[in-house]
Amino acid sequence: MSRRLLPLVLAPLLATACLEITPGGDDDPSDRPGDPVPDIVVSASSLVMPPTPVGSETSATIGIRNRGLNALQLTDLEVIGDGAFSVSLPAALQLDPGDATDLVVTFQPDAVPEAQATLVISSNDPDEPEVEVALSGEGTGAEAAAADMLDLGTVAPGCETSGAAVIENVGTMPLTVTAASVDAPFELDETGLPAVLSAGEALALPVRYAPTEPIAAVAGQLRVETDAGDLSVTVLAAQDPSTWTEDAFVASDGQTDVLFAVDRSCSMADDVQALVSAMPGFTAELDARGLDWRVSLTVDDDGCINGPDLFIDDTFSAADVVSTTEQMIALGSSYASNTERAFTLMETAVAESAAGGCNPGMVRSSATLNLVGVSDEPEQSPQSWSHFVSLFQALKTDPADVAMHAIADAGACGASGTTGFQDAAAATDGVILDICGDMATNMVDLADAIVAADPGTYPLSATPVEDTLTVTVEGASVSGWTYDAAAQEVVFDAASTPAAGESVSVEYVEDACP
């Protein structure tokens, strides 16, 4: 004989149903021919337990009687279905003809939804070896429910996303949500806790995520405490890696590249000679300002720098500065069609600075670019001055690293004019110097106006979320810097400024929040 016992609760409840035997009727075993046999009678075909609080138990009985003419042997009692039901063994497992006994069924719900099971009573009754009794019951009380997962989706780093975990009372009694917490880096708004929820009522717990670290995805647990048991919800979120930006630099000692585009037309002969003579003074002024400078001069339509040197730097003696300037200007040579188109000459020379060009490496990516037109005529390139300003500024991460100047006819010569030069200089913080003035003085003033890279300042290509800024020098994270939001630059302290040639990287989250 076997039985299945399942946990349940509350005060006993007697539920019985009787079947009467009428002597001489169709169900009277005395009318049946053959050997005397047992005949089982069960008091009910179904048993409905009363509403029972979760964690408590209720009991009820089912009567069994032997109306046969031989002994009835109960061979097995089995509960199939919900484990909230169990049955206990009767006082007697063998019933003589006419005897009866009771089975005690216990209901102990562990959840609010309706529970169902089937009690199977096995015996030696030849006609009904198994009798089934349907069992049902309903647990009562508060019960908390929530989705297993809360997915906050994808969010751009430096921005914020949020969602809500919904806690619902699926029970029949009031539910108290006492507290809640969530794993970092998620944040939880606990406003309104503790809260009491009526049956069927729900509570939304807002969860926020604002990533500041370069993590592709993150997961955590939201824990909710209630008087009906605790819940756990998995919280997920992901970052959009496309908004992470890295700006790379090579540290310099105030690097600047200066490119002169010189008009060699006939009227410029004296001015060109004055420029050559004044060039050593100009380079000395650059040295005096502690700059890492290079000076080149372009005159030909093909953009190629004349002579064996692409640039003059601080390794040149004054005499070498003069001779190299003369070679670059190619004094005495005929001039070509672009001689009064300084911006076009500059564009061609800069383009040839790329790998494979005739001026490879003349323009350094880490240096500022100062462009100087020298002419006694207005600028005559076919494109507008604004076209060239945009073209040259696009070469640098920071447009402020480009300045356009001119030594031109500003009035002292008879006012041929500075058309084109004046607008470009105004747009790039450049200067206009009078070609009919003293050239040596002009060159000192030009040195004062030269825009040079600050060795401790690194302009960023996009607006960062400040909390995400990370600065490395030669691959090692460093301090000793601040962020200038107005200028959109990382600025090193004097004591922390990277040495010339060191690699500097600034990684940050681009401020792309809606």
Protein backbone atom coordinates (compact mmCIF):
# COMPACT_ATOMS: atom_id res chain seq x y z
CA MET A 1 0.00 0.00 0.00
CA SER A 2 1.29 3.48 -0.86
CA ARG A 3 0.19 7.02 -0.19
CA ARG A 4 1.39 10.57 -1.07
CA LEU A 5 1.36 13.12 1.74
CA LEU A 6 1.53 16.86 0.92
CA PRO A 7 1.78 19.86 3.36
CA LEU A 8 -1.39 21.97 4.26
CA VAL A 9 -3.23 24.14 7.04
CA LEU A 10 -6.28 25.30 9.28
CA ALA A 11 -9.10 23.95 11.41
CA PRO A 12 -10.79 20.67 10.42
CA LEU A 13 -13.72 20.88 8.12
CA LEU A 14 -15.99 17.82 7.76
CA ALA A 15 -17.31 17.33 4.26
CA THR A 16 -19.29 14.14 3.74
CA ALA A 17 -21.68 12.77 1.15
CA CYS A 18 -23.50 9.44 1.67
CA LEU A 19 -24.91 6.96 -0.80
CA GLU A 20 -27.83 4.89 0.50
CA ILE A 21 -28.30 1.15 -0.19
CA THR A 22 -31.88 0.02 -0.61
CA PRO A 23 -32.43 -3.66 0.38
CA GLY A 24 -33.61 -5.64 -2.58
CA GLY A 25 -32.66 -2.82 -4.98
CA ASP A 26 -30.33 -3.00 -7.95
CA ASP A 27 -27.36 -2.02 -5.81
CA ASP A 28 -27.99 -4.58 -3.06
CA PRO A 29 -25.16 -7.15 -3.20
CA SER A 30 -27.52 -9.76 -1.70
CA ASP A 31 -29.29 -9.85 -5.09
CA ARG A 32 -26.04 -10.55 -6.96
CA PRO A 33 -25.29 -14.15 -8.01
CA GLY A 34 -21.92 -15.80 -7.47
CA ASP A 35 -19.31 -15.57 -4.71
CA PRO A 36 -19.71 -12.81 -2.11
CA VAL A 37 -17.44 -9.76 -2.92
CA PRO A 38 -16.53 -6.45 -1.29
CA ASP A 39 -18.16 -3.28 -2.66
CA ILE A 40 -16.62 0.17 -1.94
CA VAL A 41 -18.77 3.27 -1.48
CA VAL A 42 -17.08 6.72 -1.28
CA SER A 43 -19.08 9.54 0.27
CA ALA A 44 -18.25 12.15 -2.44
CA SER A 45 -16.77 12.34 -5.92
CA SER A 46 -15.28 15.77 -5.26
CA LEU A 47 -14.10 17.78 -2.28
CA VAL A 48 -13.81 21.58 -2.24
CA MET A 49 -11.72 22.93 0.61
CA PRO A 50 -12.68 26.28 2.15
CA PRO A 51 -10.48 29.38 1.42
CA THR A 52 -7.31 28.92 3.42
CA PRO A 53 -4.61 31.50 4.23
CA VAL A 54 -1.24 30.73 2.71
CA GLY A 55 0.89 29.00 5.33
CA SER A 56 -2.14 27.66 7.23
CA GLU A 57 -4.01 24.38 6.76
CA THR A 58 -7.58 23.09 6.56
CA SER A 59 -8.75 19.49 6.88
CA ALA A 60 -11.87 17.64 5.72
CA THR A 61 -12.97 14.00 5.66
CA ILE A 62 -14.14 11.61 3.02
CA GLY A 63 -16.15 8.57 4.16
CA ILE A 64 -15.53 5.03 2.89
CA ARG A 65 -18.02 2.17 3.49
CA ASN A 66 -18.08 -1.49 2.51
CA ARG A 67 -21.56 -2.43 1.33
CA GLY A 68 -20.40 -5.77 -0.06
CA LEU A 69 -20.60 -9.28 1.38
CA ASN A 70 -16.90 -9.81 1.85
CA ALA A 71 -14.04 -7.88 3.50
CA LEU A 72 -12.90 -4.65 1.71
CA GLN A 73 -9.14 -4.12 1.71
CA LEU A 74 -7.79 -0.59 1.04
CA THR A 75 -4.59 -1.21 -0.89
CA ASP A 76 -3.36 2.32 -1.80
CA LEU A 77 -4.09 6.02 -1.26
CA GLU A 78 -2.42 8.45 -3.70
CA VAL A 79 -2.76 12.21 -4.27
CA ILE A 80 -1.91 13.22 -7.85
CA GLY A 81 -1.47 16.93 -8.63
CA ASP A 82 -0.85 19.99 -6.46
CA GLY A 83 1.36 19.32 -3.46
CA ALA A 84 -0.85 21.47 -1.25
CA PHE A 85 -3.06 18.38 -0.64
CA SER A 86 -2.23 15.36 1.47
CA VAL A 87 -4.22 12.43 2.90
CA SER A 88 -3.72 10.51 6.13
CA LEU A 89 -4.17 6.77 6.65
CA PRO A 90 -7.56 5.72 8.03
CA ALA A 91 -7.98 3.97 11.36
CA ALA A 92 -8.68 0.68 9.60
CA LEU A 93 -7.41 -0.47 6.22
CA GLN A 94 -9.78 -3.49 6.14
CA LEU A 95 -13.52 -3.02 6.38
CA ASP A 96 -15.86 -5.92 7.04
CA PRO A 97 -19.24 -5.87 5.29
CA GLY A 98 -21.21 -2.86 6.49
CA ASP A 99 -18.23 -1.18 8.20
CA ALA A 100 -17.03 2.39 7.40
CA THR A 101 -14.04 4.66 8.00
CA ASP A 102 -12.95 8.22 7.23
CA LEU A 103 -10.03 9.59 5.21
CA VAL A 104 -8.65 12.95 6.40
CA VAL A 105 -7.61 15.29 3.57
CA THR A 106 -5.42 18.27 4.49
CA PHE A 107 -5.02 21.43 2.39
CA GLN A 108 -1.95 23.61 3.10
CA PRO A 109 -1.51 26.21 0.31
CA ASP A 110 1.86 27.82 -0.30
CA ALA A 111 0.53 30.17 -2.97
CA VAL A 112 -2.60 32.16 -3.67
CA PRO A 113 -3.79 30.64 -6.97
CA GLU A 114 -6.33 27.83 -6.97
CA ALA A 115 -4.92 24.37 -6.32
CA GLN A 116 -6.27 21.11 -7.76
CA ALA A 117 -5.44 17.46 -7.30
CA THR A 118 -6.98 14.01 -7.53
CA LEU A 119 -7.21 11.49 -4.68
CA VAL A 120 -7.02 7.91 -5.99
CA ILE A 121 -8.36 5.25 -3.62
CA SER A 122 -7.32 1.68 -4.52
CA SER A 123 -8.97 -1.42 -3.07
CA ASN A 124 -9.85 -5.07 -3.75
CA ASP A 125 -13.32 -4.15 -5.05
CA PRO A 126 -13.44 -6.15 -8.31
CA ASP A 127 -15.82 -3.70 -10.01
CA GLU A 128 -14.10 -0.49 -8.86
CA PRO A 129 -10.45 -1.20 -8.06
CA GLU A 130 -9.77 2.56 -8.17
CA VAL A 131 -12.07 5.42 -7.15
CA GLU A 132 -11.11 9.03 -7.88
CA VAL A 133 -12.08 12.06 -5.83
CA ALA A 134 -11.43 15.55 -7.30
CA LEU A 135 -9.77 17.89 -4.77
CA SER A 136 -9.72 21.69 -5.07
CA GLY A 137 -8.96 24.66 -2.84
CA GLU A 138 -7.89 28.28 -2.88
CA GLY A 139 -5.11 29.87 -0.88
CA THR A 140 -5.73 33.36 0.43
CA GLY A 141 -3.34 36.18 1.40
CA ALA A 142 -0.98 38.69 -0.16
CA GLU A 143 1.38 37.59 -2.91
CA ALA A 144 3.99 39.69 -4.69
CA ALA A 145 4.80 39.19 -8.37
CA ALA A 146 7.15 40.88 -10.84
CA ALA A 147 8.75 40.18 -14.19
CA ASP A 148 12.04 38.28 -13.95
CA MET A 149 13.92 40.91 -16.00
CA LEU A 150 14.01 44.67 -16.56
CA ASP A 151 15.91 45.65 -19.73
CA LEU A 152 16.77 49.35 -19.89
CA GLY A 153 18.06 49.03 -23.45
CA THR A 154 21.02 50.81 -25.02
CA VAL A 155 22.16 54.21 -23.81
CA ALA A 156 24.88 56.56 -25.00
CA PRO A 157 27.63 56.88 -22.38
CA GLY A 158 27.28 60.08 -20.44
CA CYS A 159 23.53 60.01 -21.00
CA GLU A 160 20.80 58.44 -18.91
CA THR A 161 18.13 55.82 -19.38
CA SER A 162 15.48 54.60 -16.98
CA GLY A 163 12.70 52.10 -16.59
CA ALA A 164 10.44 50.73 -13.90
CA ALA A 165 10.14 47.34 -12.26
CA VAL A 166 6.43 46.74 -11.61
CA ILE A 167 5.58 44.96 -8.34
CA GLU A 168 2.03 43.60 -8.31
CA ASN A 169 -0.10 42.16 -5.53
CA VAL A 170 -1.63 39.09 -7.18
CA GLY A 171 -3.02 37.88 -3.87
CA THR A 172 -6.32 38.43 -2.09
CA MET A 173 -5.08 40.40 0.92
CA PRO A 174 -3.12 43.70 1.25
CA LEU A 175 0.61 43.48 0.47
CA THR A 176 3.26 45.67 2.12
CA VAL A 177 6.37 46.48 0.06
CA THR A 178 8.82 47.36 2.81
CA ALA A 179 12.12 48.11 1.05
CA ALA A 180 14.06 47.77 -2.21
CA SER A 181 17.68 48.02 -3.37
CA VAL A 182 19.61 47.61 -6.62
CA ASP A 183 23.21 46.77 -7.52
CA ALA A 184 25.55 49.51 -8.76
CA PRO A 185 25.90 51.09 -11.25
CA PHE A 186 22.11 51.20 -11.36
CA GLU A 187 20.24 53.65 -9.14
CA LEU A 188 16.82 53.15 -7.57
CA ASP A 189 14.23 55.73 -6.61
CA GLU A 190 12.85 54.46 -3.31
CA THR A 191 10.40 57.33 -2.88
CA GLY A 192 7.11 56.05 -1.49
CA LEU A 193 8.44 53.01 0.35
CA PRO A 194 7.14 51.32 2.36
CA ALA A 195 3.91 51.01 0.40
CA VAL A 196 0.74 48.99 0.95
CA LEU A 197 -0.87 47.46 -2.15
CA SER A 198 -4.44 46.26 -2.22
CA ALA A 199 -5.32 43.05 -4.04
CA GLY A 200 -4.63 43.59 -7.74
CA GLU A 201 -2.75 46.88 -7.18
CA ALA A 202 0.74 47.49 -8.61
CA LEU A 203 3.74 49.67 -7.70
CA ALA A 204 6.37 50.95 -10.17
CA LEU A 205 9.95 51.17 -8.85
CA PRO A 206 11.99 53.51 -11.13
CA VAL A 207 15.52 52.31 -11.99
CA ARG A 208 18.08 54.68 -13.57
CA TYR A 209 21.33 54.01 -15.43
CA ALA A 210 23.88 56.69 -16.40
CA PRO A 211 27.11 55.00 -17.56
CA THR A 212 30.46 56.71 -17.06
CA GLU A 213 32.76 53.77 -17.72
CA PRO A 214 33.50 52.09 -21.07
CA ILE A 215 31.55 48.88 -20.39
CA ALA A 216 29.69 47.27 -23.29
CA ALA A 217 26.94 45.78 -21.11
CA VAL A 218 26.03 45.63 -17.45
CA ALA A 219 23.69 43.56 -15.28
CA GLY A 220 22.56 43.76 -11.68
CA GLN A 221 19.86 42.62 -9.30
CA LEU A 222 16.91 44.58 -7.97
CA ARG A 223 15.84 43.16 -4.61
CA VAL A 224 12.34 43.86 -3.27
CA GLU A 225 11.28 43.03 0.30
CA THR A 226 7.57 42.43 1.08
CA ASP A 227 5.61 40.93 3.93
CA ALA A 228 4.70 38.05 1.60
CA GLY A 229 8.27 37.20 0.66
CA ASP A 230 11.14 38.76 -1.29
CA LEU A 231 11.51 39.20 -5.06
CA SER A 232 14.56 39.55 -7.29
CA VAL A 233 14.55 41.18 -10.72
CA THR A 234 17.54 41.08 -13.11
CA VAL A 235 18.30 44.55 -14.51
CA LEU A 236 20.15 44.83 -17.85
CA ALA A 237 21.54 47.73 -19.87
CA ALA A 238 24.05 48.28 -22.66
CA GLN A 239 26.14 51.19 -23.89
CA ASP A 240 26.49 52.60 -27.37
CA PRO A 241 30.26 52.32 -27.96
CA SER A 242 30.17 54.68 -30.93
CA THR A 243 30.02 57.68 -28.61
CA TRP A 244 33.39 56.95 -27.00
CA THR A 245 36.04 59.18 -28.53
CA GLU A 246 39.84 59.16 -28.37
CA ASP A 247 41.94 62.13 -29.44
CA ALA A 248 45.63 61.36 -29.95
CA PHE A 249 48.47 63.87 -29.93
CA VAL A 250 52.25 64.09 -29.96
CA ALA A 251 53.55 66.54 -27.37
CA SER A 252 55.56 69.47 -28.68
CA ASP A 253 57.50 72.48 -27.45
CA GLY A 254 55.21 75.10 -28.94
CA GLN A 255 55.32 73.80 -32.48
CA THR A 256 54.39 76.04 -35.40
CA ASP A 257 54.82 75.78 -39.16
CA VAL A 258 55.01 79.08 -41.09
CA LEU A 259 54.41 79.06 -44.84
CA PHE A 260 54.96 82.21 -46.92
CA ALA A 261 53.38 82.50 -50.39
CA VAL A 262 55.40 85.19 -52.16
CA ASP A 263 54.33 87.24 -55.18
CA ARG A 264 57.32 87.42 -57.60
CA SER A 265 55.77 89.77 -60.14
CA CYS A 266 57.97 92.62 -61.40
CA SER A 267 56.59 95.24 -59.04
CA MET A 268 57.58 93.06 -56.08
CA ALA A 269 61.36 92.95 -56.71
CA ASP A 270 62.32 95.39 -53.95
CA ASP A 271 59.79 93.93 -51.50
CA VAL A 272 61.08 90.40 -52.07
CA GLN A 273 64.66 91.51 -51.45
CA ALA A 274 63.55 93.25 -48.24
CA LEU A 275 61.79 90.06 -47.16
CA VAL A 276 64.98 88.03 -47.68
CA SER A 277 67.01 90.52 -45.65
CA ALA A 278 64.47 90.57 -42.81
CA MET A 279 64.11 86.78 -42.56
CA PRO A 280 67.03 86.21 -40.09
CA GLY A 281 65.48 88.76 -37.73
CA PHE A 282 62.11 86.98 -38.00
CA THR A 283 63.58 83.56 -37.17
CA ALA A 284 65.52 85.09 -34.27
CA GLU A 285 62.24 86.44 -32.90
CA LEU A 286 60.71 82.95 -33.12
CA ASP A 287 63.72 81.55 -31.23
CA ALA A 288 63.36 84.21 -28.58
CA ARG A 289 59.76 83.11 -27.96
CA GLY A 290 60.89 79.53 -27.30
CA LEU A 291 58.95 78.08 -30.20
CA ASP A 292 59.61 74.88 -32.10
CA TRP A 293 59.30 76.50 -35.52
CA ARG A 294 59.73 75.79 -39.19
CA VAL A 295 59.57 78.33 -42.03
CA SER A 296 58.99 77.54 -45.71
CA LEU A 297 58.39 79.79 -48.74
CA THR A 298 56.43 78.80 -51.87
CA VAL A 299 56.35 80.64 -55.20
CA ASP A 300 55.65 78.13 -57.98
CA ASP A 301 52.36 76.83 -59.37
CA ASP A 302 53.28 73.20 -58.67
CA GLY A 303 53.54 73.91 -54.93
CA CYS A 304 56.99 72.37 -54.60
CA ILE A 305 59.47 74.15 -52.33
CA ASN A 306 62.55 75.25 -54.31
CA GLY A 307 66.03 74.22 -53.19
CA PRO A 308 67.37 71.26 -51.21
CA ASP A 309 65.58 72.14 -47.94
CA LEU A 310 61.84 71.92 -47.29
CA PHE A 311 62.04 74.30 -44.35
CA ILE A 312 64.27 76.55 -42.28
CA ASP A 313 64.49 75.80 -38.54
CA ASP A 314 66.57 76.75 -35.50
CA THR A 315 69.57 74.77 -36.75
CA PHE A 316 70.19 77.33 -39.54
CA SER A 317 72.67 80.18 -39.07
CA ALA A 318 71.62 83.68 -40.08
CA ALA A 319 73.62 83.36 -43.30
CA ASP A 320 71.97 80.01 -44.02
CA VAL A 321 68.57 81.57 -43.40
CA VAL A 322 69.29 84.20 -46.07
CA SER A 323 70.66 81.78 -48.67
CA THR A 324 67.89 79.23 -48.14
CA THR A 325 65.23 81.97 -48.39
CA GLU A 326 66.76 83.10 -51.69
CA GLN A 327 66.73 79.51 -52.98
CA MET A 328 63.09 78.98 -51.99
CA ILE A 329 62.00 82.26 -53.62
CA ALA A 330 64.22 81.49 -56.63
CA LEU A 331 65.30 85.06 -57.10
CA GLY A 332 65.76 85.99 -60.75
CA SER A 333 63.44 83.27 -62.07
CA SER A 334 60.33 84.01 -64.04
CA TYR A 335 56.98 83.86 -62.27
CA ALA A 336 53.97 81.72 -63.14
CA SER A 337 50.22 82.35 -63.39
CA ASN A 338 49.47 81.96 -59.66
CA THR A 339 52.03 84.43 -58.40
CA GLU A 340 49.32 86.89 -57.24
CA ARG A 341 47.11 84.04 -55.97
CA ALA A 342 48.68 83.48 -52.56
CA PHE A 343 45.88 81.26 -51.25
CA THR A 344 46.14 78.97 -54.28
CA LEU A 345 49.94 78.73 -53.85
CA MET A 346 49.44 77.85 -50.16
CA GLU A 347 46.83 75.19 -50.97
CA THR A 348 49.08 73.48 -53.51
CA ALA A 349 52.16 73.53 -51.28
CA VAL A 350 50.26 72.15 -48.28
CA ALA A 351 48.72 69.38 -50.41
CA GLU A 352 52.22 68.36 -51.52
CA SER A 353 53.18 67.94 -47.84
CA ALA A 354 51.38 64.60 -47.77
CA ALA A 355 53.23 61.32 -48.23
CA GLY A 356 54.21 60.94 -51.88
CA GLY A 357 54.14 64.71 -52.51
CA CYS A 358 57.12 66.89 -53.30
CA ASN A 359 57.05 68.46 -49.80
CA PRO A 360 56.66 65.35 -47.59
CA GLY A 361 56.35 66.20 -43.88
CA MET A 362 56.64 69.94 -44.38
CA VAL A 363 53.43 70.50 -42.38
CA ARG A 364 53.36 68.71 -39.02
CA SER A 365 50.07 67.40 -37.66
CA SER A 366 51.03 68.45 -34.10
CA ALA A 367 51.98 72.03 -35.04
CA THR A 368 49.91 75.11 -35.67
CA LEU A 369 49.84 76.44 -39.22
CA ASN A 370 50.55 80.10 -39.95
CA LEU A 371 50.04 81.11 -43.58
CA VAL A 372 51.50 84.43 -44.79
CA GLY A 373 50.66 86.00 -48.14
CA VAL A 374 53.19 88.55 -49.43
CA SER A 375 51.96 90.74 -52.32
CA ASP A 376 51.37 94.33 -53.40
CA GLU A 377 48.11 93.29 -55.08
CA PRO A 378 44.75 92.06 -53.73
CA GLU A 379 44.43 88.29 -53.34
CA GLN A 380 43.25 86.93 -56.72
CA SER A 381 42.56 83.19 -56.25
CA PRO A 382 39.43 82.03 -58.14
CA GLN A 383 37.77 80.66 -54.99
CA SER A 384 36.58 82.89 -52.16
CA TRP A 385 38.67 83.58 -49.07
CA SER A 386 36.16 81.59 -46.97
CA HIS A 387 36.81 78.49 -49.09
CA PHE A 388 40.49 78.59 -48.17
CA VAL A 389 39.85 79.32 -44.49
CA SER A 390 37.65 76.21 -44.27
CA LEU A 391 40.18 74.16 -46.27
CA PHE A 392 43.12 74.99 -44.00
CA GLN A 393 41.16 74.75 -40.74
CA ALA A 394 40.04 71.25 -41.71
CA LEU A 395 43.68 70.17 -41.47
CA LYS A 396 43.67 70.66 -37.69
CA THR A 397 41.66 69.24 -34.81
CA ASP A 398 41.22 72.76 -33.47
CA PRO A 399 40.40 75.44 -36.09
CA ALA A 400 42.16 77.97 -33.88
CA ASP A 401 45.45 76.26 -34.79
CA VAL A 402 45.31 77.97 -38.20
CA ALA A 403 46.05 81.68 -38.69
CA MET A 404 46.19 83.53 -42.02
CA HIS A 405 48.29 86.70 -42.23
CA ALA A 406 49.42 89.03 -45.01
CA ILE A 407 52.12 91.56 -45.79
CA ALA A 408 50.16 93.51 -48.37
CA ASP A 409 49.27 96.98 -49.63
CA ALA A 410 47.39 98.32 -46.64
CA GLY A 411 47.49 101.93 -47.84
CA ALA A 412 51.04 103.22 -47.61
CA CYS A 413 51.81 102.21 -51.20
CA GLY A 414 48.84 103.81 -52.90
CA ALA A 415 46.11 101.47 -51.73
CA SER A 416 45.98 98.59 -54.19
CA GLY A 417 44.04 96.99 -51.37
CA THR A 418 44.00 93.88 -49.19
CA THR A 419 40.85 92.27 -50.58
CA GLY A 420 40.71 88.59 -49.58
CA PHE A 421 43.68 88.88 -47.23
CA GLN A 422 41.79 91.15 -44.82
CA ASP A 423 38.76 88.85 -44.55
CA ALA A 424 40.84 85.69 -44.06
CA ALA A 425 42.98 87.37 -41.41
CA ALA A 426 39.89 88.61 -39.54
CA ALA A 427 38.37 85.10 -39.61
CA THR A 428 41.50 83.42 -38.20
CA ASP A 429 42.89 86.06 -35.80
CA GLY A 430 45.68 86.90 -38.23
CA VAL A 431 47.32 90.27 -38.90
CA ILE A 432 47.64 92.54 -41.94
CA LEU A 433 51.01 94.33 -42.23
CA ASP A 434 51.79 97.04 -44.75
CA ILE A 435 54.20 95.95 -47.44
CA CYS A 436 55.30 99.55 -47.93
CA GLY A 437 56.27 99.84 -44.29
CA ASP A 438 59.58 98.80 -42.79
CA MET A 439 59.98 95.09 -43.55
CA ALA A 440 62.13 94.38 -40.49
CA THR A 441 59.45 95.92 -38.27
CA ASN A 442 56.80 93.99 -40.13
CA MET A 443 58.61 90.73 -39.42
CA VAL A 444 58.87 91.47 -35.68
CA ASP A 445 55.15 92.23 -35.61
CA LEU A 446 54.47 89.04 -37.53
CA ALA A 447 56.48 87.02 -34.98
CA ASP A 448 54.31 88.54 -32.25
CA ALA A 449 51.18 87.38 -34.08
CA ILE A 450 52.35 83.85 -34.83
CA VAL A 451 49.96 81.31 -33.37
CA ALA A 452 51.90 78.47 -31.77
CA ALA A 453 50.72 75.28 -30.14
CA ASP A 454 50.69 75.53 -26.36
CA PRO A 455 52.74 72.51 -25.25
CA GLY A 456 50.40 72.00 -22.31
CA THR A 457 47.10 72.46 -24.15
CA TYR A 458 45.26 69.75 -26.09
CA PRO A 459 42.05 70.70 -27.97
CA LEU A 460 39.37 68.02 -28.15
CA SER A 461 37.51 67.10 -31.31
CA ALA A 462 34.12 66.87 -29.56
CA THR A 463 32.42 68.07 -26.41
CA PRO A 464 33.11 65.55 -23.61
CA VAL A 465 31.15 64.43 -20.60
CA GLU A 466 33.67 65.79 -18.11
CA ASP A 467 33.38 62.92 -15.62
CA THR A 468 34.51 60.47 -18.31
CA LEU A 469 37.76 62.19 -19.31
CA THR A 470 40.85 59.98 -19.08
CA VAL A 471 44.29 61.29 -20.05
CA THR A 472 47.30 59.08 -20.72
CA VAL A 473 50.90 59.96 -21.56
CA GLU A 474 52.95 57.21 -23.16
CA GLY A 475 50.12 54.79 -22.30
CA ALA A 476 50.05 55.58 -18.56
CA SER A 477 47.12 57.35 -16.92
CA VAL A 478 48.19 60.73 -15.51
CA SER A 479 46.88 63.56 -13.35
CA GLY A 480 48.04 67.17 -13.23
CA TRP A 481 45.56 68.45 -15.82
CA THR A 482 42.23 70.24 -15.91
CA TYR A 483 39.49 70.59 -18.48
CA ASP A 484 38.69 74.04 -19.88
CA ALA A 485 35.05 73.74 -20.94
CA ALA A 486 34.94 77.15 -22.60
CA ALA A 487 37.89 76.34 -24.87
CA GLN A 488 37.09 72.58 -25.05
CA GLU A 489 40.70 71.79 -24.13
CA VAL A 490 42.65 69.62 -21.71
CA VAL A 491 45.23 71.85 -20.02
CA PHE A 492 48.26 70.45 -18.17
CA ASP A 493 49.85 72.08 -15.16
CA ALA A 494 53.30 73.47 -15.88
CA ALA A 495 54.92 70.72 -13.81
CA SER A 496 52.95 67.98 -15.57
CA THR A 497 53.27 69.10 -19.21
CA PRO A 498 54.33 66.13 -21.39
CA ALA A 499 57.79 66.28 -22.90
CA ALA A 500 58.18 66.90 -26.61
CA GLY A 501 57.68 63.72 -28.60
CA GLU A 502 55.63 61.90 -25.97
CA SER A 503 52.29 60.43 -27.04
CA VAL A 504 49.25 61.95 -25.38
CA SER A 505 45.80 60.37 -25.53
CA VAL A 506 42.53 61.81 -24.26
CA GLU A 507 39.62 59.36 -24.08
CA TYR A 508 36.13 60.49 -23.20
CA VAL A 509 32.45 60.04 -23.76
CA GLU A 510 31.12 62.43 -26.33
CA ASP A 511 28.24 64.46 -24.99
CA ALA A 512 25.61 63.12 -27.36
CA CYS A 513 22.65 63.12 -25.00
CA PRO A 514 19.32 64.28 -26.41
